[in-house]
Amino acid sequence: DLKKIIALSTLSQLGMMMFSISLGLYELAFFHLLTHALF
């Protein structure tokens, strides 16, 4: 399902943002959130 693939991709990138936060890289997580939202 095309929309499910894109939604699961978003979930994967949210995991990447939480990974960044777990390392203490809060600004990078926010930066990734903004760039990810655009594409």
ModelCIF file with pLDDT and N, C-alpha, C, O atoms, coordinates in Angstrom:
data_MODEL
#
_entry.id   MODEL 
#
_entity.id                         1 
_entity.type                       polymer 
_entity.pdbx_number_of_molecules   1 
#
_entity_poly.entity_id                      1 
_entity_poly.type                           'polypeptide(L)' 
_entity_poly.nstd_linkage                   no 
_entity_poly.nstd_monomer                   no 
_entity_poly.pdbx_seq_one_letter_code       DLKKIIALSTLSQLGMMMFSISLGLYELAFFHLLTHALF 
_entity_poly.pdbx_seq_one_letter_code_can   DLKKIIALSTLSQLGMMMFSISLGLYELAFFHLLTHALF 
_entity_poly.pdbx_strand_id                 A 
#
loop_
_entity_poly_seq.entity_id 
_entity_poly_seq.num 
_entity_poly_seq.mon_id 
_entity_poly_seq.hetero 
1 1  ASP n 
1 2  LEU n 
1 3  LYS n 
1 4  LYS n 
1 5  ILE n 
1 6  ILE n 
1 7  ALA n 
1 8  LEU n 
1 9  SER n 
1 10 THR n 
1 11 LEU n 
1 12 SER n 
1 13 GLN n 
1 14 LEU n 
1 15 GLY n 
1 16 MET n 
1 17 MET n 
1 18 MET n 
1 19 PHE n 
1 20 SER n 
1 21 ILE n 
1 22 SER n 
1 23 LEU n 
1 24 GLY n 
1 25 LEU n 
1 26 TYR n 
1 27 GLU n 
1 28 LEU n 
1 29 ALA n 
1 30 PHE n 
1 31 PHE n 
1 32 HIS n 
1 33 LEU n 
1 34 LEU n 
1 35 THR n 
1 36 HIS n 
1 37 ALA n 
1 38 LEU n 
1 39 PHE n 
#
_struct_asym.id          A 
_struct_asym.entity_id   1 
#
loop_
_ma_qa_metric.id 
_ma_qa_metric.mode 
_ma_qa_metric.name 
_ma_qa_metric.software_group_id 
_ma_qa_metric.type 
1 global pLDDT . pLDDT 
2 local  pLDDT . pLDDT 
#
_ma_qa_metric_global.metric_id      1 
_ma_qa_metric_global.metric_value   93.00 
_ma_qa_metric_global.model_id       1 
_ma_qa_metric_global.ordinal_id     1 
#
loop_
_ma_qa_metric_local.label_asym_id 
_ma_qa_metric_local.label_comp_id 
_ma_qa_metric_local.label_seq_id 
_ma_qa_metric_local.metric_id 
_ma_qa_metric_local.metric_value 
_ma_qa_metric_local.model_id 
_ma_qa_metric_local.ordinal_id 
A ASP 1  2 92.00 1 1  
A LEU 2  2 92.00 1 2  
A LYS 3  2 92.00 1 3  
A LYS 4  2 94.00 1 4  
A ILE 5  2 94.00 1 5  
A ILE 6  2 93.00 1 6  
A ALA 7  2 93.00 1 7  
A LEU 8  2 94.00 1 8  
A SER 9  2 92.00 1 9  
A THR 10 2 93.00 1 10 
A LEU 11 2 94.00 1 11 
A SER 12 2 94.00 1 12 
A GLN 13 2 93.00 1 13 
A LEU 14 2 94.00 1 14 
A GLY 15 2 94.00 1 15 
A MET 16 2 93.00 1 16 
A MET 17 2 94.00 1 17 
A MET 18 2 95.00 1 18 
A PHE 19 2 94.00 1 19 
A SER 20 2 93.00 1 20 
A ILE 21 2 95.00 1 21 
A SER 22 2 93.00 1 22 
A LEU 23 2 90.00 1 23 
A GLY 24 2 91.00 1 24 
A LEU 25 2 91.00 1 25 
A TYR 26 2 94.00 1 26 
A GLU 27 2 94.00 1 27 
A LEU 28 2 92.00 1 28 
A ALA 29 2 94.00 1 29 
A PHE 30 2 95.00 1 30 
A PHE 31 2 94.00 1 31 
A HIS 32 2 93.00 1 32 
A LEU 33 2 94.00 1 33 
A LEU 34 2 94.00 1 34 
A THR 35 2 92.00 1 35 
A HIS 36 2 91.00 1 36 
A ALA 37 2 92.00 1 37 
A LEU 38 2 91.00 1 38 
A PHE 39 2 90.00 1 39 
#
loop_
_atom_site.group_PDB 
_atom_site.id 
_atom_site.type_symbol 
_atom_site.label_atom_id 
_atom_site.label_alt_id 
_atom_site.label_comp_id 
_atom_site.label_asym_id 
_atom_site.label_entity_id 
_atom_site.label_seq_id 
_atom_site.pdbx_PDB_ins_code 
_atom_site.Cartn_x 
_atom_site.Cartn_y 
_atom_site.Cartn_z 
_atom_site.occupancy 
_atom_site.B_iso_or_equiv 
_atom_site.pdbx_formal_charge 
_atom_site.auth_seq_id 
_atom_site.auth_comp_id 
_atom_site.auth_asym_id 
_atom_site.auth_atom_id 
_atom_site.pdbx_PDB_model_num 
ATOM 1   N N  . ASP A 1 1  ? 0.843  -1.182 0.000  1.00 92.00 ? 1  ASP A N  1 
ATOM 2   C CA . ASP A 1 1  ? 0.000  0.000  0.000  1.00 92.00 ? 1  ASP A CA 1 
ATOM 3   C C  . ASP A 1 1  ? 0.887  1.243  0.000  1.00 92.00 ? 1  ASP A C  1 
ATOM 4   O O  . ASP A 1 1  ? 1.702  1.423  0.905  1.00 92.00 ? 1  ASP A O  1 
ATOM 5   N N  . LEU A 1 2  ? 0.733  2.098  -1.005 1.00 92.00 ? 2  LEU A N  1 
ATOM 6   C CA . LEU A 1 2  ? 1.603  3.258  -1.185 1.00 92.00 ? 2  LEU A CA 1 
ATOM 7   C C  . LEU A 1 2  ? 1.586  4.179  0.024  1.00 92.00 ? 2  LEU A C  1 
ATOM 8   O O  . LEU A 1 2  ? 2.642  4.596  0.499  1.00 92.00 ? 2  LEU A O  1 
ATOM 9   N N  . LYS A 1 3  ? 0.403  4.501  0.526  1.00 92.00 ? 3  LYS A N  1 
ATOM 10  C CA . LYS A 1 3  ? 0.322  5.417  1.661  1.00 92.00 ? 3  LYS A CA 1 
ATOM 11  C C  . LYS A 1 3  ? 0.873  4.792  2.940  1.00 92.00 ? 3  LYS A C  1 
ATOM 12  O O  . LYS A 1 3  ? 1.433  5.496  3.779  1.00 92.00 ? 3  LYS A O  1 
ATOM 13  N N  . LYS A 1 4  ? 0.722  3.490  3.095  1.00 94.00 ? 4  LYS A N  1 
ATOM 14  C CA . LYS A 1 4  ? 1.280  2.820  4.273  1.00 94.00 ? 4  LYS A CA 1 
ATOM 15  C C  . LYS A 1 4  ? 2.802  2.806  4.222  1.00 94.00 ? 4  LYS A C  1 
ATOM 16  O O  . LYS A 1 4  ? 3.460  2.953  5.252  1.00 94.00 ? 4  LYS A O  1 
ATOM 17  N N  . ILE A 1 5  ? 3.358  2.632  3.040  1.00 94.00 ? 5  ILE A N  1 
ATOM 18  C CA . ILE A 1 5  ? 4.818  2.657  2.907  1.00 94.00 ? 5  ILE A CA 1 
ATOM 19  C C  . ILE A 1 5  ? 5.358  4.027  3.292  1.00 94.00 ? 5  ILE A C  1 
ATOM 20  O O  . ILE A 1 5  ? 6.357  4.128  4.004  1.00 94.00 ? 5  ILE A O  1 
ATOM 21  N N  . ILE A 1 6  ? 4.701  5.074  2.824  1.00 93.00 ? 6  ILE A N  1 
ATOM 22  C CA . ILE A 1 6  ? 5.149  6.424  3.152  1.00 93.00 ? 6  ILE A CA 1 
ATOM 23  C C  . ILE A 1 6  ? 4.959  6.706  4.647  1.00 93.00 ? 6  ILE A C  1 
ATOM 24  O O  . ILE A 1 6  ? 5.801  7.355  5.268  1.00 93.00 ? 6  ILE A O  1 
ATOM 25  N N  . ALA A 1 7  ? 3.858  6.221  5.221  1.00 93.00 ? 7  ALA A N  1 
ATOM 26  C CA . ALA A 1 7  ? 3.631  6.411  6.657  1.00 93.00 ? 7  ALA A CA 1 
ATOM 27  C C  . ALA A 1 7  ? 4.660  5.635  7.490  1.00 93.00 ? 7  ALA A C  1 
ATOM 28  O O  . ALA A 1 7  ? 5.154  6.145  8.496  1.00 93.00 ? 7  ALA A O  1 
ATOM 29  N N  . LEU A 1 8  ? 4.980  4.417  7.077  1.00 94.00 ? 8  LEU A N  1 
ATOM 30  C CA . LEU A 1 8  ? 5.996  3.642  7.789  1.00 94.00 ? 8  LEU A CA 1 
ATOM 31  C C  . LEU A 1 8  ? 7.373  4.286  7.646  1.00 94.00 ? 8  LEU A C  1 
ATOM 32  O O  . LEU A 1 8  ? 8.202  4.210  8.553  1.00 94.00 ? 8  LEU A O  1 
ATOM 33  N N  . SER A 1 9  ? 7.603  4.909  6.517  1.00 92.00 ? 9  SER A N  1 
ATOM 34  C CA . SER A 1 9  ? 8.834  5.655  6.323  1.00 92.00 ? 9  SER A CA 1 
ATOM 35  C C  . SER A 1 9  ? 8.915  6.825  7.301  1.00 92.00 ? 9  SER A C  1 
ATOM 36  O O  . SER A 1 9  ? 9.978  7.112  7.852  1.00 92.00 ? 9  SER A O  1 
ATOM 37  N N  . THR A 1 10 ? 7.787  7.493  7.510  1.00 93.00 ? 10 THR A N  1 
ATOM 38  C CA . THR A 1 10 ? 7.738  8.571  8.488  1.00 93.00 ? 10 THR A CA 1 
ATOM 39  C C  . THR A 1 10 ? 8.022  8.042  9.887  1.00 93.00 ? 10 THR A C  1 
ATOM 40  O O  . THR A 1 10 ? 8.751  8.671  10.654 1.00 93.00 ? 10 THR A O  1 
ATOM 41  N N  . LEU A 1 11 ? 7.455  6.897  10.221 1.00 94.00 ? 11 LEU A N  1 
ATOM 42  C CA . LEU A 1 11 ? 7.703  6.297  11.536 1.00 94.00 ? 11 LEU A CA 1 
ATOM 43  C C  . LEU A 1 11 ? 9.184  5.964  11.708 1.00 94.00 ? 11 LEU A C  1 
ATOM 44  O O  . LEU A 1 11 ? 9.748  6.163  12.784 1.00 94.00 ? 11 LEU A O  1 
ATOM 45  N N  . SER A 1 12 ? 9.804  5.463  10.660 1.00 94.00 ? 12 SER A N  1 
ATOM 46  C CA . SER A 1 12 ? 11.228 5.168  10.713 1.00 94.00 ? 12 SER A CA 1 
ATOM 47  C C  . SER A 1 12 ? 12.049 6.435  10.962 1.00 94.00 ? 12 SER A C  1 
ATOM 48  O O  . SER A 1 12 ? 13.006 6.422  11.736 1.00 94.00 ? 12 SER A O  1 
ATOM 49  N N  . GLN A 1 13 ? 11.666 7.525  10.299 1.00 93.00 ? 13 GLN A N  1 
ATOM 50  C CA . GLN A 1 13 ? 12.395 8.781  10.491 1.00 93.00 ? 13 GLN A CA 1 
ATOM 51  C C  . GLN A 1 13 ? 12.125 9.385  11.868 1.00 93.00 ? 13 GLN A C  1 
ATOM 52  O O  . GLN A 1 13 ? 12.994 10.056 12.426 1.00 93.00 ? 13 GLN A O  1 
ATOM 53  N N  . LEU A 1 14 ? 10.943 9.158  12.419 1.00 94.00 ? 14 LEU A N  1 
ATOM 54  C CA . LEU A 1 14 ? 10.683 9.582  13.801 1.00 94.00 ? 14 LEU A CA 1 
ATOM 55  C C  . LEU A 1 14 ? 11.568 8.799  14.767 1.00 94.00 ? 14 LEU A C  1 
ATOM 56  O O  . LEU A 1 14 ? 12.028 9.336  15.775 1.00 94.00 ? 14 LEU A O  1 
ATOM 57  N N  . GLY A 1 15 ? 11.801 7.527  14.452 1.00 94.00 ? 15 GLY A N  1 
ATOM 58  C CA . GLY A 1 15 ? 12.749 6.750  15.238 1.00 94.00 ? 15 GLY A CA 1 
ATOM 59  C C  . GLY A 1 15 ? 14.151 7.327  15.148 1.00 94.00 ? 15 GLY A C  1 
ATOM 60  O O  . GLY A 1 15 ? 14.894 7.333  16.129 1.00 94.00 ? 15 GLY A O  1 
ATOM 61  N N  . MET A 1 16 ? 14.508 7.814  13.962 1.00 93.00 ? 16 MET A N  1 
ATOM 62  C CA . MET A 1 16 ? 15.813 8.463  13.782 1.00 93.00 ? 16 MET A CA 1 
ATOM 63  C C  . MET A 1 16 ? 15.912 9.729  14.627 1.00 93.00 ? 16 MET A C  1 
ATOM 64  O O  . MET A 1 16 ? 16.958 10.013 15.210 1.00 93.00 ? 16 MET A O  1 
ATOM 65  N N  . MET A 1 17 ? 14.827 10.483 14.688 1.00 94.00 ? 17 MET A N  1 
ATOM 66  C CA . MET A 1 17 ? 14.817 11.699 15.511 1.00 94.00 ? 17 MET A CA 1 
ATOM 67  C C  . MET A 1 17 ? 14.932 11.353 16.996 1.00 94.00 ? 17 MET A C  1 
ATOM 68  O O  . MET A 1 17 ? 15.643 12.033 17.737 1.00 94.00 ? 17 MET A O  1 
ATOM 69  N N  . MET A 1 18 ? 14.243 10.306 17.432 1.00 95.00 ? 18 MET A N  1 
ATOM 70  C CA . MET A 1 18 ? 14.339 9.885  18.834 1.00 95.00 ? 18 MET A CA 1 
ATOM 71  C C  . MET A 1 18 ? 15.737 9.335  19.137 1.00 95.00 ? 18 MET A C  1 
ATOM 72  O O  . MET A 1 18 ? 16.256 9.505  20.241 1.00 95.00 ? 18 MET A O  1 
ATOM 73  N N  . PHE A 1 19 ? 16.329 8.682  18.154 1.00 94.00 ? 19 PHE A N  1 
ATOM 74  C CA . PHE A 1 19 ? 17.703 8.221  18.291 1.00 94.00 ? 19 PHE A CA 1 
ATOM 75  C C  . PHE A 1 19 ? 18.624 9.406  18.531 1.00 94.00 ? 19 PHE A C  1 
ATOM 76  O O  . PHE A 1 19 ? 19.508 9.357  19.386 1.00 94.00 ? 19 PHE A O  1 
ATOM 77  N N  . SER A 1 20 ? 18.411 10.463 17.773 1.00 93.00 ? 20 SER A N  1 
ATOM 78  C CA . SER A 1 20 ? 19.203 11.682 17.929 1.00 93.00 ? 20 SER A CA 1 
ATOM 79  C C  . SER A 1 20 ? 18.992 12.304 19.309 1.00 93.00 ? 20 SER A C  1 
ATOM 80  O O  . SER A 1 20 ? 19.943 12.754 19.948 1.00 93.00 ? 20 SER A O  1 
ATOM 81  N N  . ILE A 1 21 ? 17.751 12.324 19.756 1.00 95.00 ? 21 ILE A N  1 
ATOM 82  C CA . ILE A 1 21 ? 17.459 12.872 21.087 1.00 95.00 ? 21 ILE A CA 1 
ATOM 83  C C  . ILE A 1 21 ? 18.100 12.021 22.173 1.00 95.00 ? 21 ILE A C  1 
ATOM 84  O O  . ILE A 1 21 ? 18.594 12.552 23.168 1.00 95.00 ? 21 ILE A O  1 
ATOM 85  N N  . SER A 1 22 ? 18.097 10.694 21.989 1.00 93.00 ? 22 SER A N  1 
ATOM 86  C CA . SER A 1 22 ? 18.696 9.815  22.997 1.00 93.00 ? 22 SER A CA 1 
ATOM 87  C C  . SER A 1 22 ? 20.204 10.029 23.118 1.00 93.00 ? 22 SER A C  1 
ATOM 88  O O  . SER A 1 22 ? 20.794 9.722  24.153 1.00 93.00 ? 22 SER A O  1 
ATOM 89  N N  . LEU A 1 23 ? 20.822 10.552 22.068 1.00 90.00 ? 23 LEU A N  1 
ATOM 90  C CA . LEU A 1 23 ? 22.248 10.873 22.122 1.00 90.00 ? 23 LEU A CA 1 
ATOM 91  C C  . LEU A 1 23 ? 22.495 12.291 22.620 1.00 90.00 ? 23 LEU A C  1 
ATOM 92  O O  . LEU A 1 23 ? 23.642 12.716 22.757 1.00 90.00 ? 23 LEU A O  1 
ATOM 93  N N  . GLY A 1 24 ? 21.401 13.031 22.893 1.00 91.00 ? 24 GLY A N  1 
ATOM 94  C CA . GLY A 1 24 ? 21.536 14.398 23.377 1.00 91.00 ? 24 GLY A CA 1 
ATOM 95  C C  . GLY A 1 24 ? 21.661 15.429 22.275 1.00 91.00 ? 24 GLY A C  1 
ATOM 96  O O  . GLY A 1 24 ? 22.057 16.565 22.532 1.00 91.00 ? 24 GLY A O  1 
ATOM 97  N N  . LEU A 1 25 ? 21.333 15.054 21.063 1.00 91.00 ? 25 LEU A N  1 
ATOM 98  C CA . LEU A 1 25 ? 21.450 15.949 19.910 1.00 91.00 ? 25 LEU A CA 1 
ATOM 99  C C  . LEU A 1 25 ? 20.079 16.541 19.589 1.00 91.00 ? 25 LEU A C  1 
ATOM 100 O O  . LEU A 1 25 ? 19.484 16.230 18.557 1.00 91.00 ? 25 LEU A O  1 
ATOM 101 N N  . TYR A 1 26 ? 19.591 17.387 20.474 1.00 94.00 ? 26 TYR A N  1 
ATOM 102 C CA . TYR A 1 26 ? 18.238 17.924 20.356 1.00 94.00 ? 26 TYR A CA 1 
ATOM 103 C C  . TYR A 1 26 ? 18.080 18.820 19.131 1.00 94.00 ? 26 TYR A C  1 
ATOM 104 O O  . TYR A 1 26 ? 17.071 18.744 18.430 1.00 94.00 ? 26 TYR A O  1 
ATOM 105 N N  . GLU A 1 27 ? 19.063 19.659 18.876 1.00 94.00 ? 27 GLU A N  1 
ATOM 106 C CA . GLU A 1 27 ? 18.970 20.581 17.740 1.00 94.00 ? 27 GLU A CA 1 
ATOM 107 C C  . GLU A 1 27 ? 18.974 19.821 16.412 1.00 94.00 ? 27 GLU A C  1 
ATOM 108 O O  . GLU A 1 27 ? 18.262 20.185 15.476 1.00 94.00 ? 27 GLU A O  1 
ATOM 109 N N  . LEU A 1 28 ? 19.780 18.766 16.343 1.00 92.00 ? 28 LEU A N  1 
ATOM 110 C CA . LEU A 1 28 ? 19.810 17.958 15.115 1.00 92.00 ? 28 LEU A CA 1 
ATOM 111 C C  . LEU A 1 28 ? 18.501 17.213 14.898 1.00 92.00 ? 28 LEU A C  1 
ATOM 112 O O  . LEU A 1 28 ? 18.062 17.036 13.761 1.00 92.00 ? 28 LEU A O  1 
ATOM 113 N N  . ALA A 1 29 ? 17.875 16.774 15.992 1.00 94.00 ? 29 ALA A N  1 
ATOM 114 C CA . ALA A 1 29 ? 16.576 16.109 15.860 1.00 94.00 ? 29 ALA A CA 1 
ATOM 115 C C  . ALA A 1 29 ? 15.541 17.082 15.306 1.00 94.00 ? 29 ALA A C  1 
ATOM 116 O O  . ALA A 1 29 ? 14.733 16.709 14.456 1.00 94.00 ? 29 ALA A O  1 
ATOM 117 N N  . PHE A 1 30 ? 15.561 18.316 15.778 1.00 95.00 ? 30 PHE A N  1 
ATOM 118 C CA . PHE A 1 30 ? 14.625 19.319 15.270 1.00 95.00 ? 30 PHE A CA 1 
ATOM 119 C C  . PHE A 1 30 ? 14.930 19.665 13.813 1.00 95.00 ? 30 PHE A C  1 
ATOM 120 O O  . PHE A 1 30 ? 14.015 19.828 13.004 1.00 95.00 ? 30 PHE A O  1 
ATOM 121 N N  . PHE A 1 31 ? 16.204 19.776 13.485 1.00 94.00 ? 31 PHE A N  1 
ATOM 122 C CA . PHE A 1 31 ? 16.608 20.051 12.107 1.00 94.00 ? 31 PHE A CA 1 
ATOM 123 C C  . PHE A 1 31 ? 16.152 18.932 11.178 1.00 94.00 ? 31 PHE A C  1 
ATOM 124 O O  . PHE A 1 31 ? 15.679 19.194 10.072 1.00 94.00 ? 31 PHE A O  1 
ATOM 125 N N  . HIS A 1 32 ? 16.293 17.681 11.628 1.00 93.00 ? 32 HIS A N  1 
ATOM 126 C CA . HIS A 1 32 ? 15.846 16.545 10.830 1.00 93.00 ? 32 HIS A CA 1 
ATOM 127 C C  . HIS A 1 32 ? 14.323 16.556 10.699 1.00 93.00 ? 32 HIS A C  1 
ATOM 128 O O  . HIS A 1 32 ? 13.787 16.198 9.651  1.00 93.00 ? 32 HIS A O  1 
ATOM 129 N N  . LEU A 1 33 ? 13.634 16.962 11.751 1.00 94.00 ? 33 LEU A N  1 
ATOM 130 C CA . LEU A 1 33 ? 12.179 17.074 11.691 1.00 94.00 ? 33 LEU A CA 1 
ATOM 131 C C  . LEU A 1 33 ? 11.747 18.061 10.611 1.00 94.00 ? 33 LEU A C  1 
ATOM 132 O O  . LEU A 1 33 ? 10.820 17.785 9.849  1.00 94.00 ? 33 LEU A O  1 
ATOM 133 N N  . LEU A 1 34 ? 12.413 19.203 10.545 1.00 94.00 ? 34 LEU A N  1 
ATOM 134 C CA . LEU A 1 34 ? 12.049 20.214 9.555  1.00 94.00 ? 34 LEU A CA 1 
ATOM 135 C C  . LEU A 1 34 ? 12.352 19.754 8.127  1.00 94.00 ? 34 LEU A C  1 
ATOM 136 O O  . LEU A 1 34 ? 11.507 19.874 7.240  1.00 94.00 ? 34 LEU A O  1 
ATOM 137 N N  . THR A 1 35 ? 13.546 19.233 7.912  1.00 92.00 ? 35 THR A N  1 
ATOM 138 C CA . THR A 1 35 ? 13.891 18.794 6.560  1.00 92.00 ? 35 THR A CA 1 
ATOM 139 C C  . THR A 1 35 ? 13.035 17.605 6.138  1.00 92.00 ? 35 THR A C  1 
ATOM 140 O O  . THR A 1 35 ? 12.615 17.505 4.985  1.00 92.00 ? 35 THR A O  1 
ATOM 141 N N  . HIS A 1 36 ? 12.781 16.707 7.087  1.00 91.00 ? 36 HIS A N  1 
ATOM 142 C CA . HIS A 1 36 ? 11.956 15.537 6.784  1.00 91.00 ? 36 HIS A CA 1 
ATOM 143 C C  . HIS A 1 36 ? 10.527 15.958 6.424  1.00 91.00 ? 36 HIS A C  1 
ATOM 144 O O  . HIS A 1 36 ? 9.914  15.376 5.529  1.00 91.00 ? 36 HIS A O  1 
ATOM 145 N N  . ALA A 1 37 ? 10.008 16.955 7.113  1.00 92.00 ? 37 ALA A N  1 
ATOM 146 C CA . ALA A 1 37 ? 8.642  17.411 6.834  1.00 92.00 ? 37 ALA A CA 1 
ATOM 147 C C  . ALA A 1 37 ? 8.522  17.942 5.413  1.00 92.00 ? 37 ALA A C  1 
ATOM 148 O O  . ALA A 1 37 ? 7.495  17.747 4.763  1.00 92.00 ? 37 ALA A O  1 
ATOM 149 N N  . LEU A 1 38 ? 9.552  18.603 4.931  1.00 91.00 ? 38 LEU A N  1 
ATOM 150 C CA . LEU A 1 38 ? 9.493  19.170 3.583  1.00 91.00 ? 38 LEU A CA 1 
ATOM 151 C C  . LEU A 1 38 ? 9.461  18.091 2.505  1.00 91.00 ? 38 LEU A C  1 
ATOM 152 O O  . LEU A 1 38 ? 8.594  18.116 1.632  1.00 91.00 ? 38 LEU A O  1 
ATOM 153 N N  . PHE A 1 39 ? 10.398 17.141 2.556  1.00 90.00 ? 39 PHE A N  1 
ATOM 154 C CA . PHE A 1 39 ? 10.383 16.151 1.483  1.00 90.00 ? 39 PHE A CA 1 
ATOM 155 C C  . PHE A 1 39 ? 9.312  15.085 1.696  1.00 90.00 ? 39 PHE A C  1 
ATOM 156 O O  . PHE A 1 39 ? 9.172  14.177 0.877  1.00 90.00 ? 39 PHE A O  1 
#
